[in-house]
All heavy atoms as atom14 arrays in JSON, in Angstrom:
{
  "sequence": "QVDLRDALVRSDNIYFAREIVEIGAEDFLQSAKQFGFHE",
  "atom14_mask": [
    [1, 1, 1, 1, 1, 1, 1, 1, 1, 0, 0, 0, 0, 0],
    [1, 1, 1, 1, 1, 1, 1, 0, 0, 0, 0, 0, 0, 0],
    [1, 1, 1, 1, 1, 1, 1, 1, 0, 0, 0, 0, 0, 0],
    [1, 1, 1, 1, 1, 1, 1, 1, 0, 0, 0, 0, 0, 0],
    [1, 1, 1, 1, 1, 1, 1, 1, 1, 1, 1, 0, 0, 0],
    [1, 1, 1, 1, 1, 1, 1, 1, 0, 0, 0, 0, 0, 0],
    [1, 1, 1, 1, 1, 0, 0, 0, 0, 0, 0, 0, 0, 0],
    [1, 1, 1, 1, 1, 1, 1, 1, 0, 0, 0, 0, 0, 0],
    [1, 1, 1, 1, 1, 1, 1, 0, 0, 0, 0, 0, 0, 0],
    [1, 1, 1, 1, 1, 1, 1, 1, 1, 1, 1, 0, 0, 0],
    [1, 1, 1, 1, 1, 1, 0, 0, 0, 0, 0, 0, 0, 0],
    [1, 1, 1, 1, 1, 1, 1, 1, 0, 0, 0, 0, 0, 0],
    [1, 1, 1, 1, 1, 1, 1, 1, 0, 0, 0, 0, 0, 0],
    [1, 1, 1, 1, 1, 1, 1, 1, 0, 0, 0, 0, 0, 0],
    [1, 1, 1, 1, 1, 1, 1, 1, 1, 1, 1, 1, 0, 0],
    [1, 1, 1, 1, 1, 1, 1, 1, 1, 1, 1, 0, 0, 0],
    [1, 1, 1, 1, 1, 0, 0, 0, 0, 0, 0, 0, 0, 0],
    [1, 1, 1, 1, 1, 1, 1, 1, 1, 1, 1, 0, 0, 0],
    [1, 1, 1, 1, 1, 1, 1, 1, 1, 0, 0, 0, 0, 0],
    [1, 1, 1, 1, 1, 1, 1, 1, 0, 0, 0, 0, 0, 0],
    [1, 1, 1, 1, 1, 1, 1, 0, 0, 0, 0, 0, 0, 0],
    [1, 1, 1, 1, 1, 1, 1, 1, 1, 0, 0, 0, 0, 0],
    [1, 1, 1, 1, 1, 1, 1, 1, 0, 0, 0, 0, 0, 0],
    [1, 1, 1, 1, 0, 0, 0, 0, 0, 0, 0, 0, 0, 0],
    [1, 1, 1, 1, 1, 0, 0, 0, 0, 0, 0, 0, 0, 0],
    [1, 1, 1, 1, 1, 1, 1, 1, 1, 0, 0, 0, 0, 0],
    [1, 1, 1, 1, 1, 1, 1, 1, 0, 0, 0, 0, 0, 0],
    [1, 1, 1, 1, 1, 1, 1, 1, 1, 1, 1, 0, 0, 0],
    [1, 1, 1, 1, 1, 1, 1, 1, 0, 0, 0, 0, 0, 0],
    [1, 1, 1, 1, 1, 1, 1, 1, 1, 0, 0, 0, 0, 0],
    [1, 1, 1, 1, 1, 1, 0, 0, 0, 0, 0, 0, 0, 0],
    [1, 1, 1, 1, 1, 0, 0, 0, 0, 0, 0, 0, 0, 0],
    [1, 1, 1, 1, 1, 1, 1, 1, 1, 0, 0, 0, 0, 0],
    [1, 1, 1, 1, 1, 1, 1, 1, 1, 0, 0, 0, 0, 0],
    [1, 1, 1, 1, 1, 1, 1, 1, 1, 1, 1, 0, 0, 0],
    [1, 1, 1, 1, 0, 0, 0, 0, 0, 0, 0, 0, 0, 0],
    [1, 1, 1, 1, 1, 1, 1, 1, 1, 1, 1, 0, 0, 0],
    [1, 1, 1, 1, 1, 1, 1, 1, 1, 1, 0, 0, 0, 0],
    [1, 1, 1, 1, 1, 1, 1, 1, 1, 0, 0, 0, 0, 0]
  ],
  "atom14_positions": [
    [[183.96, -9.96, -18.75], [183.51, -11.29, -19.18], [184.73, -12.08, -19.61], [185.37, -11.76, -20.62], [182.5, -11.16, -20.33], [181.23, -10.43, -19.94], [180.48, -11.13, -18.82], [180.19, -12.32, -18.91], [180.18, -10.39, -17.75], [0.0, 0.0, 0.0], [0.0, 0.0, 0.0], [0.0, 0.0, 0.0], [0.0, 0.0, 0.0], [0.0, 0.0, 0.0]],
    [[185.07, -13.1, -18.86], [186.35, -13.79, -19.04], [186.11, -15.28, -19.29], [185.56, -15.98, -18.43], [187.26, -13.61, -17.8], [188.61, -14.28, -18.03], [187.43, -12.14, -17.47], [0.0, 0.0, 0.0], [0.0, 0.0, 0.0], [0.0, 0.0, 0.0], [0.0, 0.0, 0.0], [0.0, 0.0, 0.0], [0.0, 0.0, 0.0], [0.0, 0.0, 0.0]],
    [[186.51, -15.76, -20.47], [186.5, -17.2, -20.73], [187.93, -17.72, -20.62], [188.86, -16.98, -20.27], [185.87, -17.52, -22.09], [186.65, -16.93, -23.26], [187.8, -16.46, -23.06], [186.12, -16.94, -24.39], [0.0, 0.0, 0.0], [0.0, 0.0, 0.0], [0.0, 0.0, 0.0], [0.0, 0.0, 0.0], [0.0, 0.0, 0.0], [0.0, 0.0, 0.0]],
    [[188.14, -19.01, -20.95], [189.46, -19.61, -20.75], [190.53, -18.92, -21.59], [191.64, -18.67, -21.09], [189.41, -21.1, -21.1], [190.75, -21.85, -20.96], [191.28, -21.77, -19.55], [190.62, -23.31, -21.4], [0.0, 0.0, 0.0], [0.0, 0.0, 0.0], [0.0, 0.0, 0.0], [0.0, 0.0, 0.0], [0.0, 0.0, 0.0], [0.0, 0.0, 0.0]],
    [[190.19, -18.56, -22.84], [191.18, -17.9, -23.69], [191.6, -16.58, -23.07], [192.8, -16.28, -22.96], [190.62, -17.67, -25.09], [191.63, -17.07, -26.07], [190.98, -16.77, -27.41], [191.96, -16.38, -28.41], [192.52, -15.16, -28.49], [192.2, -14.21, -27.59], [193.4, -14.89, -29.43], [0.0, 0.0, 0.0], [0.0, 0.0, 0.0], [0.0, 0.0, 0.0]],
    [[190.63, -15.78, -22.65], [190.95, -14.49, -22.04], [191.79, -14.69, -20.78], [192.75, -13.96, -20.53], [189.66, -13.75, -21.67], [188.79, -13.44, -22.87], [189.36, -13.19, -23.95], [187.56, -13.47, -22.73], [0.0, 0.0, 0.0], [0.0, 0.0, 0.0], [0.0, 0.0, 0.0], [0.0, 0.0, 0.0], [0.0, 0.0, 0.0], [0.0, 0.0, 0.0]],
    [[191.41, -15.68, -19.99], [192.08, -15.9, -18.71], [193.54, -16.3, -18.9], [194.41, -15.89, -18.12], [191.35, -16.98, -17.93], [0.0, 0.0, 0.0], [0.0, 0.0, 0.0], [0.0, 0.0, 0.0], [0.0, 0.0, 0.0], [0.0, 0.0, 0.0], [0.0, 0.0, 0.0], [0.0, 0.0, 0.0], [0.0, 0.0, 0.0], [0.0, 0.0, 0.0]],
    [[193.84, -17.11, -19.94], [195.22, -17.51, -20.19], [196.0, -16.38, -20.86], [197.16, -16.12, -20.5], [195.26, -18.76, -21.06], [194.87, -20.07, -20.36], [194.72, -21.21, -21.38], [195.89, -20.45, -19.29], [0.0, 0.0, 0.0], [0.0, 0.0, 0.0], [0.0, 0.0, 0.0], [0.0, 0.0, 0.0], [0.0, 0.0, 0.0], [0.0, 0.0, 0.0]],
    [[195.37, -15.7, -21.83], [196.06, -14.62, -22.54], [196.45, -13.5, -21.58], [197.57, -12.99, -21.62], [195.17, -14.08, -23.69], [195.73, -12.77, -24.23], [195.07, -15.12, -24.8], [0.0, 0.0, 0.0], [0.0, 0.0, 0.0], [0.0, 0.0, 0.0], [0.0, 0.0, 0.0], [0.0, 0.0, 0.0], [0.0, 0.0, 0.0], [0.0, 0.0, 0.0]],
    [[195.51, -13.11, -20.71], [195.77, -11.99, -19.79], [196.26, -12.48, -18.41], [196.56, -11.66, -17.55], [194.5, -11.16, -19.62], [194.0, -10.5, -20.91], [192.61, -9.92, -20.68], [192.05, -9.37, -21.91], [192.06, -8.06, -22.21], [192.62, -7.19, -21.39], [191.51, -7.64, -23.33], [0.0, 0.0, 0.0], [0.0, 0.0, 0.0], [0.0, 0.0, 0.0]],
    [[196.27, -13.77, -18.22], [196.74, -14.38, -16.97], [195.91, -13.9, -15.77], [196.43, -13.3, -14.83], [198.23, -14.09, -16.74], [198.81, -15.04, -15.89], [0.0, 0.0, 0.0], [0.0, 0.0, 0.0], [0.0, 0.0, 0.0], [0.0, 0.0, 0.0], [0.0, 0.0, 0.0], [0.0, 0.0, 0.0], [0.0, 0.0, 0.0], [0.0, 0.0, 0.0]],
    [[194.63, -14.25, -15.79], [193.68, -13.77, -14.79], [193.63, -14.71, -13.58], [193.11, -15.82, -13.65], [192.28, -13.67, -15.42], [191.33, -12.84, -14.58], [191.39, -12.95, -13.34], [190.55, -12.07, -15.17], [0.0, 0.0, 0.0], [0.0, 0.0, 0.0], [0.0, 0.0, 0.0], [0.0, 0.0, 0.0], [0.0, 0.0, 0.0], [0.0, 0.0, 0.0]],
    [[194.17, -14.24, -12.46], [194.21, -15.06, -11.25], [192.81, -15.4, -10.72], [192.56, -16.51, -10.23], [194.98, -14.34, -10.14], [196.47, -14.28, -10.41], [196.98, -14.98, -11.28], [197.17, -13.42, -9.69], [0.0, 0.0, 0.0], [0.0, 0.0, 0.0], [0.0, 0.0, 0.0], [0.0, 0.0, 0.0], [0.0, 0.0, 0.0], [0.0, 0.0, 0.0]],
    [[191.91, -14.44, -10.79], [190.57, -14.65, -10.23], [189.86, -15.79, -10.96], [189.21, -16.64, -10.33], [189.74, -13.35, -10.32], [190.36, -12.28, -9.39], [188.28, -13.6, -9.94], [189.69, -10.93, -9.49], [0.0, 0.0, 0.0], [0.0, 0.0, 0.0], [0.0, 0.0, 0.0], [0.0, 0.0, 0.0], [0.0, 0.0, 0.0], [0.0, 0.0, 0.0]],
    [[189.98, -15.84, -12.29], [189.34, -16.89, -13.08], [189.78, -18.27, -12.58], [188.96, -19.16, -12.32], [189.69, -16.71, -14.56], [189.11, -17.76, -15.47], [187.88, -17.57, -16.08], [189.79, -18.96, -15.72], [187.34, -18.54, -16.93], [189.27, -19.93, -16.56], [188.04, -19.72, -17.16], [187.51, -20.67, -17.99], [0.0, 0.0, 0.0], [0.0, 0.0, 0.0]],
    [[191.08, -18.46, -12.41], [191.59, -19.79, -12.05], [191.34, -20.1, -10.58], [191.17, -21.26, -10.21], [193.07, -19.89, -12.41], [193.29, -19.94, -13.89], [193.66, -18.79, -14.59], [193.07, -21.1, -14.6], [193.84, -18.82, -15.96], [193.24, -21.14, -15.99], [193.61, -20.0, -16.67], [0.0, 0.0, 0.0], [0.0, 0.0, 0.0], [0.0, 0.0, 0.0]],
    [[191.29, -19.07, -9.73], [190.93, -19.29, -8.34], [189.5, -19.81, -8.23], [189.21, -20.77, -7.49], [191.09, -18.0, -7.54], [0.0, 0.0, 0.0], [0.0, 0.0, 0.0], [0.0, 0.0, 0.0], [0.0, 0.0, 0.0], [0.0, 0.0, 0.0], [0.0, 0.0, 0.0], [0.0, 0.0, 0.0], [0.0, 0.0, 0.0], [0.0, 0.0, 0.0]],
    [[188.59, -19.2, -8.99], [187.19, -19.64, -8.94], [187.01, -21.02, -9.57], [186.22, -21.85, -9.08], [186.32, -18.59, -9.63], [186.22, -17.29, -8.84], [185.52, -16.2, -9.6], [184.15, -16.56, -9.99], [183.33, -15.74, -10.66], [183.74, -14.51, -11.0], [182.1, -16.13, -10.98], [0.0, 0.0, 0.0], [0.0, 0.0, 0.0], [0.0, 0.0, 0.0]],
    [[187.73, -21.26, -10.66], [187.59, -22.56, -11.35], [188.1, -23.72, -10.5], [187.51, -24.79, -10.47], [188.3, -22.53, -12.69], [187.63, -21.67, -13.75], [186.27, -22.23, -14.17], [185.95, -23.38, -13.84], [185.52, -21.48, -14.84], [0.0, 0.0, 0.0], [0.0, 0.0, 0.0], [0.0, 0.0, 0.0], [0.0, 0.0, 0.0], [0.0, 0.0, 0.0]],
    [[189.21, -23.52, -9.78], [189.74, -24.63, -8.98], [188.84, -24.92, -7.79], [188.71, -26.07, -7.36], [191.2, -24.35, -8.52], [191.86, -25.67, -8.06], [191.26, -23.32, -7.42], [193.35, -25.55, -7.76], [0.0, 0.0, 0.0], [0.0, 0.0, 0.0], [0.0, 0.0, 0.0], [0.0, 0.0, 0.0], [0.0, 0.0, 0.0], [0.0, 0.0, 0.0]],
    [[188.19, -23.89, -7.25], [187.23, -24.11, -6.17], [186.06, -24.96, -6.67], [185.55, -25.83, -5.94], [186.75, -22.77, -5.58], [185.57, -22.99, -4.63], [187.89, -22.07, -4.86], [0.0, 0.0, 0.0], [0.0, 0.0, 0.0], [0.0, 0.0, 0.0], [0.0, 0.0, 0.0], [0.0, 0.0, 0.0], [0.0, 0.0, 0.0], [0.0, 0.0, 0.0]],
    [[185.66, -24.76, -7.92], [184.6, -25.58, -8.51], [185.04, -27.04, -8.63], [184.24, -27.96, -8.44], [184.22, -25.03, -9.89], [183.41, -23.76, -9.86], [182.05, -23.99, -9.21], [181.39, -25.0, -9.54], [181.66, -23.18, -8.34], [0.0, 0.0, 0.0], [0.0, 0.0, 0.0], [0.0, 0.0, 0.0], [0.0, 0.0, 0.0], [0.0, 0.0, 0.0]],
    [[186.31, -27.25, -8.96], [186.81, -28.63, -9.08], [186.8, -29.31, -7.72], [186.41, -30.47, -7.58], [188.24, -28.64, -9.66], [188.26, -28.05, -11.07], [188.81, -30.06, -9.69], [189.65, -27.76, -11.6], [0.0, 0.0, 0.0], [0.0, 0.0, 0.0], [0.0, 0.0, 0.0], [0.0, 0.0, 0.0], [0.0, 0.0, 0.0], [0.0, 0.0, 0.0]],
    [[187.26, -28.57, -6.69], [187.32, -29.13, -5.34], [188.72, -29.62, -5.01], [189.44, -30.13, -5.88], [0.0, 0.0, 0.0], [0.0, 0.0, 0.0], [0.0, 0.0, 0.0], [0.0, 0.0, 0.0], [0.0, 0.0, 0.0], [0.0, 0.0, 0.0], [0.0, 0.0, 0.0], [0.0, 0.0, 0.0], [0.0, 0.0, 0.0], [0.0, 0.0, 0.0]],
    [[189.11, -29.48, -3.76], [190.48, -29.78, -3.33], [190.85, -31.24, -3.55], [191.92, -31.55, -4.12], [190.66, -29.4, -1.87], [0.0, 0.0, 0.0], [0.0, 0.0, 0.0], [0.0, 0.0, 0.0], [0.0, 0.0, 0.0], [0.0, 0.0, 0.0], [0.0, 0.0, 0.0], [0.0, 0.0, 0.0], [0.0, 0.0, 0.0], [0.0, 0.0, 0.0]],
    [[190.01, -32.16, -3.13], [190.35, -33.58, -3.21], [190.45, -34.04, -4.66], [191.42, -34.73, -5.04], [189.31, -34.41, -2.47], [189.67, -35.9, -2.41], [188.69, -36.7, -1.57], [187.9, -36.08, -0.82], [188.71, -37.94, -1.68], [0.0, 0.0, 0.0], [0.0, 0.0, 0.0], [0.0, 0.0, 0.0], [0.0, 0.0, 0.0], [0.0, 0.0, 0.0]],
    [[189.47, -33.67, -5.49], [189.5, -34.09, -6.9], [190.69, -33.46, -7.62], [191.33, -34.11, -8.45], [188.2, -33.69, -7.59], [187.02, -34.55, -7.16], [187.27, -35.6, -6.54], [185.87, -34.16, -7.42], [0.0, 0.0, 0.0], [0.0, 0.0, 0.0], [0.0, 0.0, 0.0], [0.0, 0.0, 0.0], [0.0, 0.0, 0.0], [0.0, 0.0, 0.0]],
    [[190.98, -32.19, -7.29], [192.1, -31.54, -7.97], [193.42, -32.21, -7.59], [194.27, -32.46, -8.46], [192.16, -30.05, -7.62], [193.23, -29.32, -8.39], [192.98, -28.82, -9.66], [194.51, -29.16, -7.87], [193.97, -28.19, -10.39], [195.51, -28.52, -8.6], [195.23, -28.03, -9.86], [0.0, 0.0, 0.0], [0.0, 0.0, 0.0], [0.0, 0.0, 0.0]],
    [[193.59, -32.5, -6.34], [194.83, -33.12, -5.88], [195.04, -34.48, -6.54], [196.15, -34.81, -6.98], [194.82, -33.26, -4.36], [196.13, -33.67, -3.68], [197.25, -32.72, -4.03], [195.93, -33.75, -2.18], [0.0, 0.0, 0.0], [0.0, 0.0, 0.0], [0.0, 0.0, 0.0], [0.0, 0.0, 0.0], [0.0, 0.0, 0.0], [0.0, 0.0, 0.0]],
    [[193.98, -35.27, -6.64], [194.11, -36.57, -7.28], [194.45, -36.44, -8.76], [195.28, -37.18, -9.29], [192.81, -37.37, -7.12], [192.55, -37.83, -5.69], [193.7, -38.68, -5.15], [194.17, -39.6, -5.81], [194.15, -38.34, -3.95], [0.0, 0.0, 0.0], [0.0, 0.0, 0.0], [0.0, 0.0, 0.0], [0.0, 0.0, 0.0], [0.0, 0.0, 0.0]],
    [[193.83, -35.49, -9.44], [194.11, -35.28, -10.87], [195.52, -34.74, -11.07], [196.2, -35.1, -12.05], [193.09, -34.31, -11.47], [191.79, -34.86, -11.44], [0.0, 0.0, 0.0], [0.0, 0.0, 0.0], [0.0, 0.0, 0.0], [0.0, 0.0, 0.0], [0.0, 0.0, 0.0], [0.0, 0.0, 0.0], [0.0, 0.0, 0.0], [0.0, 0.0, 0.0]],
    [[195.97, -33.88, -10.16], [197.32, -33.31, -10.29], [198.4, -34.38, -10.17], [199.48, -34.25, -10.76], [197.53, -32.24, -9.23], [0.0, 0.0, 0.0], [0.0, 0.0, 0.0], [0.0, 0.0, 0.0], [0.0, 0.0, 0.0], [0.0, 0.0, 0.0], [0.0, 0.0, 0.0], [0.0, 0.0, 0.0], [0.0, 0.0, 0.0], [0.0, 0.0, 0.0]],
    [[198.09, -35.45, -9.43], [199.07, -36.53, -9.31], [199.32, -37.21, -10.65], [200.38, -37.81, -10.86], [198.6, -37.55, -8.27], [198.67, -37.0, -6.84], [198.2, -38.01, -5.82], [198.31, -37.44, -4.4], [197.85, -38.39, -3.36], [0.0, 0.0, 0.0], [0.0, 0.0, 0.0], [0.0, 0.0, 0.0], [0.0, 0.0, 0.0], [0.0, 0.0, 0.0]],
    [[198.36, -37.11, -11.57], [198.57, -37.65, -12.91], [199.63, -36.86, -13.68], [200.18, -37.34, -14.66], [197.26, -37.64, -13.7], [196.3, -38.75, -13.32], [196.87, -40.11, -13.67], [197.4, -40.82, -12.82], [196.8, -40.48, -14.95], [0.0, 0.0, 0.0], [0.0, 0.0, 0.0], [0.0, 0.0, 0.0], [0.0, 0.0, 0.0], [0.0, 0.0, 0.0]],
    [[199.9, -35.65, -13.21], [200.96, -34.84, -13.81], [202.31, -35.05, -13.12], [203.27, -34.35, -13.4], [200.58, -33.35, -13.75], [199.54, -32.95, -14.76], [198.18, -33.11, -14.49], [199.91, -32.42, -16.0], [197.21, -32.74, -15.41], [198.94, -32.05, -16.93], [197.59, -32.21, -16.64], [0.0, 0.0, 0.0], [0.0, 0.0, 0.0], [0.0, 0.0, 0.0]],
    [[202.38, -36.03, -12.22], [203.65, -36.38, -11.58], [203.93, -35.7, -10.27], [205.04, -35.82, -9.74], [0.0, 0.0, 0.0], [0.0, 0.0, 0.0], [0.0, 0.0, 0.0], [0.0, 0.0, 0.0], [0.0, 0.0, 0.0], [0.0, 0.0, 0.0], [0.0, 0.0, 0.0], [0.0, 0.0, 0.0], [0.0, 0.0, 0.0], [0.0, 0.0, 0.0]],
    [[202.95, -34.98, -9.72], [203.18, -34.33, -8.43], [203.14, -35.36, -7.31], [202.47, -36.38, -7.39], [202.1, -33.26, -8.19], [202.29, -32.03, -9.03], [201.69, -31.93, -10.28], [203.09, -30.98, -8.6], [201.86, -30.81, -11.07], [203.27, -29.85, -9.38], [202.66, -29.76, -10.62], [0.0, 0.0, 0.0], [0.0, 0.0, 0.0], [0.0, 0.0, 0.0]],
    [[203.91, -35.07, -6.28], [203.99, -35.93, -5.09], [204.5, -37.34, -5.42], [204.05, -38.33, -4.84], [202.62, -36.02, -4.38], [202.19, -34.72, -3.78], [202.6, -34.26, -2.56], [201.36, -33.75, -4.28], [202.06, -33.09, -2.31], [201.31, -32.75, -3.34], [0.0, 0.0, 0.0], [0.0, 0.0, 0.0], [0.0, 0.0, 0.0], [0.0, 0.0, 0.0]],
    [[205.44, -37.42, -6.34], [206.11, -38.69, -6.59], [207.51, -38.42, -7.12], [207.84, -37.32, -7.57], [205.32, -39.56, -7.57], [205.22, -39.03, -8.99], [204.48, -40.02, -9.89], [205.16, -40.88, -10.47], [203.24, -39.91, -10.02], [0.0, 0.0, 0.0], [0.0, 0.0, 0.0], [0.0, 0.0, 0.0], [0.0, 0.0, 0.0], [0.0, 0.0, 0.0]]
  ]
}
């Protein structure tokens, strides 16, 4: 049973793989640009 704290503390790849799929590729890419990517 893995929540965000567990996933960051133990660095769980599966948790973040599943979570980003929920966000979706297009929405994630647009949000990531707010962090300065692709500029």
